[in-house]
PDB file of N, CA and C in Angstrom:
ATOM      1  N   MET A   1     206.306  43.988 -14.130  1.00  0.00           N
ATOM      2  CA  MET A   1     204.923  43.542 -14.126  1.00  0.00           C
ATOM      3  C   MET A   1     204.558  42.912 -15.476  1.00  0.00           C
ATOM      4  N   LEU A   2     204.957  43.545 -16.567  1.00  0.00           N
ATOM      5  CA  LEU A   2     204.625  43.008 -17.892  1.00  0.00           C
ATOM      6  C   LEU A   2     205.257  41.628 -18.084  1.00  0.00           C
ATOM      7  N   PHE A   3     206.480  41.452 -17.634  1.00  0.00           N
ATOM      8  CA  PHE A   3     207.162  40.162 -17.779  1.00  0.00           C
ATOM      9  C   PHE A   3     206.406  39.078 -17.020  1.00  0.00           C
ATOM     10  N   ALA A   4     206.043  39.353 -15.774  1.00  0.00           N
ATOM     11  CA  ALA A   4     205.296  38.383 -14.962  1.00  0.00           C
ATOM     12  C   ALA A   4     203.945  38.075 -15.598  1.00  0.00           C
ATOM     13  N   ASN A   5     203.286  39.084 -16.128  1.00  0.00           N
ATOM     14  CA  ASN A   5     201.996  38.872 -16.780  1.00  0.00           C
ATOM     15  C   ASN A   5     202.150  38.063 -18.067  1.00  0.00           C
ATOM     16  N   ALA A   6     203.252  38.269 -18.771  1.00  0.00           N
ATOM     17  CA  ALA A   6     203.512  37.492 -19.988  1.00  0.00           C
ATOM     18  C   ALA A   6     203.746  36.027 -19.630  1.00  0.00           C
ATOM     19  N   GLU A   7     204.481  35.779 -18.570  1.00  0.00           N
ATOM     20  CA  GLU A   7     204.695  34.404 -18.115  1.00  0.00           C
ATOM     21  C   GLU A   7     203.358  33.744 -17.770  1.00  0.00           C
ATOM     22  N   ALA A   8     202.517  34.458 -17.050  1.00  0.00           N
ATOM     23  CA  ALA A   8     201.205  33.926 -16.668  1.00  0.00           C
ATOM     24  C   ALA A   8     200.343  33.657 -17.895  1.00  0.00           C
ATOM     25  N   ALA A   9     200.381  34.552 -18.867  1.00  0.00           N
ATOM     26  CA  ALA A   9     199.584  34.394 -20.085  1.00  0.00           C
ATOM     27  C   ALA A   9     200.010  33.163 -20.869  1.00  0.00           C
ATOM     28  N   VAL A  10     201.313  32.973 -21.010  1.00  0.00           N
ATOM     29  CA  VAL A  10     201.823  31.823 -21.757  1.00  0.00           C
ATOM     30  C   VAL A  10     201.482  30.532 -21.017  1.00  0.00           C
ATOM     31  N   LYS A  11     201.693  30.527 -19.726  1.00  0.00           N
ATOM     32  CA  LYS A  11     201.425  29.323 -18.934  1.00  0.00           C
ATOM     33  C   LYS A  11     199.950  28.931 -19.008  1.00  0.00           C
ATOM     34  N   SER A  12     199.056  29.879 -18.871  1.00  0.00           N
ATOM     35  CA  SER A  12     197.628  29.574 -18.865  1.00  0.00           C
ATOM     36  C   SER A  12     197.083  29.240 -20.248  1.00  0.00           C
ATOM     37  N   SER A  13     197.779  29.676 -21.299  1.00  0.00           N
ATOM     38  CA  SER A  13     197.302  29.398 -22.654  1.00  0.00           C
ATOM     39  C   SER A  13     197.739  28.021 -23.148  1.00  0.00           C
ATOM     40  N   GLY A  14     198.731  27.446 -22.479  1.00  0.00           N
ATOM     41  CA  GLY A  14     199.191  26.120 -22.857  1.00  0.00           C
ATOM     42  C   GLY A  14     200.076  26.084 -24.079  1.00  0.00           C
ATOM     43  N   ILE A  15     200.498  27.241 -24.565  1.00  0.00           N
ATOM     44  CA  ILE A  15     201.400  27.262 -25.720  1.00  0.00           C
ATOM     45  C   ILE A  15     202.833  27.238 -25.245  1.00  0.00           C
ATOM     46  N   GLU A  16     203.718  26.895 -26.158  1.00  0.00           N
ATOM     47  CA  GLU A  16     205.137  26.897 -25.863  1.00  0.00           C
ATOM     48  C   GLU A  16     205.720  28.185 -26.427  1.00  0.00           C
ATOM     49  N   ALA A  17     206.380  28.963 -25.572  1.00  0.00           N
ATOM     50  CA  ALA A  17     206.931  30.239 -26.027  1.00  0.00           C
ATOM     51  C   ALA A  17     208.153  30.594 -25.204  1.00  0.00           C
ATOM     52  N   GLN A  18     209.043  31.337 -25.812  1.00  0.00           N
ATOM     53  CA  GLN A  18     210.217  31.865 -25.121  1.00  0.00           C
ATOM     54  C   GLN A  18     209.907  33.305 -24.736  1.00  0.00           C
ATOM     55  N   ILE A  19     210.060  33.606 -23.459  1.00  0.00           N
ATOM     56  CA  ILE A  19     209.818  34.957 -22.965  1.00  0.00           C
ATOM     57  C   ILE A  19     211.157  35.565 -22.581  1.00  0.00           C
ATOM     58  N   GLU A  20     211.408  36.749 -23.066  1.00  0.00           N
ATOM     59  CA  GLU A  20     212.686  37.412 -22.808  1.00  0.00           C
ATOM     60  C   GLU A  20     212.434  38.832 -22.339  1.00  0.00           C
ATOM     61  N   LYS A  21     213.093  39.207 -21.267  1.00  0.00           N
ATOM     62  CA  LYS A  21     213.014  40.577 -20.767  1.00  0.00           C
ATOM     63  C   LYS A  21     214.252  41.315 -21.271  1.00  0.00           C
ATOM     64  N   VAL A  22     214.047  42.304 -22.105  1.00  0.00           N
ATOM     65  CA  VAL A  22     215.142  43.071 -22.686  1.00  0.00           C
ATOM     66  C   VAL A  22     215.247  44.386 -21.932  1.00  0.00           C
ATOM     67  N   GLU A  23     216.444  44.657 -21.393  1.00  0.00           N
ATOM     68  CA  GLU A  23     216.642  45.870 -20.607  1.00  0.00           C
ATOM     69  C   GLU A  23     217.674  46.828 -21.204  1.00  0.00           C
ATOM     70  N   LYS A  24     218.435  46.344 -22.177  1.00  0.00           N
ATOM     71  CA  LYS A  24     219.447  47.200 -22.793  1.00  0.00           C
ATOM     72  C   LYS A  24     218.779  48.137 -23.784  1.00  0.00           C
ATOM     73  N   ILE A  25     219.017  49.423 -23.606  1.00  0.00           N
ATOM     74  CA  ILE A  25     218.358  50.446 -24.415  1.00  0.00           C
ATOM     75  C   ILE A  25     218.636  50.261 -25.906  1.00  0.00           C
ATOM     76  N   ALA A  26     219.829  49.836 -26.260  1.00  0.00           N
ATOM     77  CA  ALA A  26     220.166  49.637 -27.675  1.00  0.00           C
ATOM     78  C   ALA A  26     219.296  48.544 -28.290  1.00  0.00           C
ATOM     79  N   GLU A  27     219.029  47.487 -27.549  1.00  0.00           N
ATOM     80  CA  GLU A  27     218.181  46.403 -28.039  1.00  0.00           C
ATOM     81  C   GLU A  27     216.721  46.860 -28.148  1.00  0.00           C
ATOM     82  N   ILE A  28     216.280  47.624 -27.169  1.00  0.00           N
ATOM     83  CA  ILE A  28     214.908  48.139 -27.176  1.00  0.00           C
ATOM     84  C   ILE A  28     214.694  49.059 -28.374  1.00  0.00           C
ATOM     85  N   MET A  29     215.670  49.905 -28.639  1.00  0.00           N
ATOM     86  CA  MET A  29     215.568  50.866 -29.741  1.00  0.00           C
ATOM     87  C   MET A  29     215.494  50.188 -31.111  1.00  0.00           C
ATOM     88  N   LYS A  30     216.019  48.968 -31.225  1.00  0.00           N
ATOM     89  CA  LYS A  30     215.951  48.247 -32.502  1.00  0.00           C
ATOM     90  C   LYS A  30     214.509  48.010 -32.941  1.00  0.00           C
ATOM     91  N   PHE A  31     213.581  48.010 -31.985  1.00  0.00           N
ATOM     92  CA  PHE A  31     212.170  47.830 -32.289  1.00  0.00           C
ATOM     93  C   PHE A  31     211.451  49.158 -32.495  1.00  0.00           C
ATOM     94  N   GLY A  32     212.179  50.264 -32.374  1.00  0.00           N
ATOM     95  CA  GLY A  32     211.577  51.576 -32.525  1.00  0.00           C
ATOM     96  C   GLY A  32     210.755  51.990 -31.310  1.00  0.00           C
ATOM     97  N   VAL A  33     210.961  51.305 -30.202  1.00  0.00           N
ATOM     98  CA  VAL A  33     210.212  51.585 -28.977  1.00  0.00           C
ATOM     99  C   VAL A  33     210.852  52.766 -28.254  1.00  0.00           C
ATOM    100  N   MET A  34     210.035  53.751 -27.933  1.00  0.00           N
ATOM    101  CA  MET A  34     210.534  54.946 -27.246  1.00  0.00           C
ATOM    102  C   MET A  34     210.036  55.020 -25.806  1.00  0.00           C
ATOM    103  N   SER A  35     209.167  54.118 -25.411  1.00  0.00           N
ATOM    104  CA  SER A  35     208.606  54.112 -24.070  1.00  0.00           C
ATOM    105  C   SER A  35     208.450  52.659 -23.620  1.00  0.00           C
ATOM    106  N   THR A  36     208.729  52.423 -22.358  1.00  0.00           N
ATOM    107  CA  THR A  36     208.600  51.069 -21.834  1.00  0.00           C
ATOM    108  C   THR A  36     207.537  51.043 -20.752  1.00  0.00           C
ATOM    109  N   PRO A  37     207.004  49.889 -20.440  1.00  0.00           N
ATOM    110  CA  PRO A  37     207.303  48.570 -21.005  1.00  0.00           C
ATOM    111  C   PRO A  37     206.696  48.411 -22.396  1.00  0.00           C
ATOM    112  N   ALA A  38     207.212  47.431 -23.100  1.00  0.00           N
ATOM    113  CA  ALA A  38     206.693  47.140 -24.435  1.00  0.00           C
ATOM    114  C   ALA A  38     206.578  45.633 -24.601  1.00  0.00           C
ATOM    115  N   LEU A  39     205.572  45.218 -25.321  1.00  0.00           N
ATOM    116  CA  LEU A  39     205.370  43.808 -25.617  1.00  0.00           C
ATOM    117  C   LEU A  39     205.640  43.593 -27.100  1.00  0.00           C
ATOM    118  N   VAL A  40     206.532  42.657 -27.388  1.00  0.00           N
ATOM    119  CA  VAL A  40     206.861  42.305 -28.764  1.00  0.00           C
ATOM    120  C   VAL A  40     206.576  40.822 -28.932  1.00  0.00           C
ATOM    121  N   VAL A  41     205.809  40.473 -29.950  1.00  0.00           N
ATOM    122  CA  VAL A  41     205.471  39.083 -30.233  1.00  0.00           C
ATOM    123  C   VAL A  41     205.922  38.774 -31.652  1.00  0.00           C
ATOM    124  N   ASP A  42     206.774  37.776 -31.787  1.00  0.00           N
ATOM    125  CA  ASP A  42     207.296  37.376 -33.103  1.00  0.00           C
ATOM    126  C   ASP A  42     207.866  38.562 -33.875  1.00  0.00           C
ATOM    127  N   GLY A  43     208.594  39.439 -33.169  1.00  0.00           N
ATOM    128  CA  GLY A  43     209.257  40.562 -33.808  1.00  0.00           C
ATOM    129  C   GLY A  43     208.389  41.774 -34.068  1.00  0.00           C
ATOM    130  N   GLN A  44     207.114  41.720 -33.713  1.00  0.00           N
ATOM    131  CA  GLN A  44     206.207  42.843 -33.935  1.00  0.00           C
ATOM    132  C   GLN A  44     205.808  43.466 -32.599  1.00  0.00           C
ATOM    133  N   VAL A  45     205.917  44.783 -32.522  1.00  0.00           N
ATOM    134  CA  VAL A  45     205.529  45.507 -31.317  1.00  0.00           C
ATOM    135  C   VAL A  45     204.004  45.473 -31.214  1.00  0.00           C
ATOM    136  N   LYS A  46     203.519  44.975 -30.075  1.00  0.00           N
ATOM    137  CA  LYS A  46     202.077  44.856 -29.851  1.00  0.00           C
ATOM    138  C   LYS A  46     201.554  45.902 -28.877  1.00  0.00           C
ATOM    139  N   SER A  47     202.408  46.359 -27.963  1.00  0.00           N
ATOM    140  CA  SER A  47     201.979  47.332 -26.957  1.00  0.00           C
ATOM    141  C   SER A  47     203.188  48.101 -26.453  1.00  0.00           C
ATOM    142  N   VAL A  48     202.980  49.389 -26.187  1.00  0.00           N
ATOM    143  CA  VAL A  48     204.054  50.241 -25.674  1.00  0.00           C
ATOM    144  C   VAL A  48     203.498  51.106 -24.548  1.00  0.00           C
ATOM    145  N   GLY A  49     204.272  51.202 -23.464  1.00  0.00           N
ATOM    146  CA  GLY A  49     203.933  52.124 -22.383  1.00  0.00           C
ATOM    147  C   GLY A  49     202.854  51.652 -21.433  1.00  0.00           C
ATOM    148  N   LYS A  50     202.524  50.343 -21.489  1.00  0.00           N
ATOM    149  CA  LYS A  50     201.461  49.834 -20.633  1.00  0.00           C
ATOM    150  C   LYS A  50     201.779  48.399 -20.223  1.00  0.00           C
ATOM    151  N   ALA A  51     201.575  48.091 -18.943  1.00  0.00           N
ATOM    152  CA  ALA A  51     201.744  46.717 -18.466  1.00  0.00           C
ATOM    153  C   ALA A  51     200.418  45.990 -18.679  1.00  0.00           C
ATOM    154  N   LEU A  52     200.326  45.284 -19.789  1.00  0.00           N
ATOM    155  CA  LEU A  52     199.103  44.564 -20.120  1.00  0.00           C
ATOM    156  C   LEU A  52     198.825  43.462 -19.108  1.00  0.00           C
ATOM    157  N   SER A  53     197.560  43.135 -18.929  1.00  0.00           N
ATOM    158  CA  SER A  53     197.159  42.029 -18.064  1.00  0.00           C
ATOM    159  C   SER A  53     197.423  40.719 -18.804  1.00  0.00           C
ATOM    160  N   PRO A  54     197.453  39.590 -18.084  1.00  0.00           N
ATOM    161  CA  PRO A  54     197.612  38.310 -18.764  1.00  0.00           C
ATOM    162  C   PRO A  54     196.540  38.081 -19.834  1.00  0.00           C
ATOM    163  N   ASP A  55     195.294  38.465 -19.558  1.00  0.00           N
ATOM    164  CA  ASP A  55     194.217  38.307 -20.551  1.00  0.00           C
ATOM    165  C   ASP A  55     194.483  39.126 -21.807  1.00  0.00           C
ATOM    166  N   GLU A  56     194.961  40.347 -21.642  1.00  0.00           N
ATOM    167  CA  GLU A  56     195.271  41.206 -22.788  1.00  0.00           C
ATOM    168  C   GLU A  56     196.429  40.625 -23.587  1.00  0.00           C
ATOM    169  N   ILE A  57     197.407  40.067 -22.910  1.00  0.00           N
ATOM    170  CA  ILE A  57     198.558  39.472 -23.596  1.00  0.00           C
ATOM    171  C   ILE A  57     198.127  38.237 -24.380  1.00  0.00           C
ATOM    172  N   ARG A  58     197.276  37.403 -23.798  1.00  0.00           N
ATOM    173  CA  ARG A  58     196.790  36.198 -24.484  1.00  0.00           C
ATOM    174  C   ARG A  58     196.135  36.545 -25.817  1.00  0.00           C
ATOM    175  N   GLN A  59     195.471  37.673 -25.900  1.00  0.00           N
ATOM    176  CA  GLN A  59     194.847  38.081 -27.162  1.00  0.00           C
ATOM    177  C   GLN A  59     195.890  38.301 -28.258  1.00  0.00           C
ATOM    178  N   HIS A  60     197.094  38.700 -27.880  1.00  0.00           N
ATOM    179  CA  HIS A  60     198.165  38.930 -28.853  1.00  0.00           C
ATOM    180  C   HIS A  60     198.883  37.634 -29.220  1.00  0.00           C
ATOM    181  N   LEU A  61     198.661  36.584 -28.442  1.00  0.00           N
ATOM    182  CA  LEU A  61     199.319  35.309 -28.709  1.00  0.00           C
ATOM    183  C   LEU A  61     198.516  34.423 -29.638  1.00  0.00           C
ATOM    184  N   ALA A  62     197.239  34.697 -29.774  1.00  0.00           N
ATOM    185  CA  ALA A  62     196.355  33.838 -30.584  1.00  0.00           C
ATOM    186  C   ALA A  62     196.566  34.030 -32.059  1.00  0.00           C
TER     187      ALA A  62
END
């Protein structure tokens, strides 16, 4: 759900961005994330444990 919402947020905002769904636990742990889903923008964890809405994600992209 978070991935789909991130795609919708990027598309509706008109910005160019690469969206990646990371599923390997070793990669997730590199961000210090202990609960999923998590949103990371430009290497910074923005949300953990919640599937943000597209509107909520857009706020982290601005």
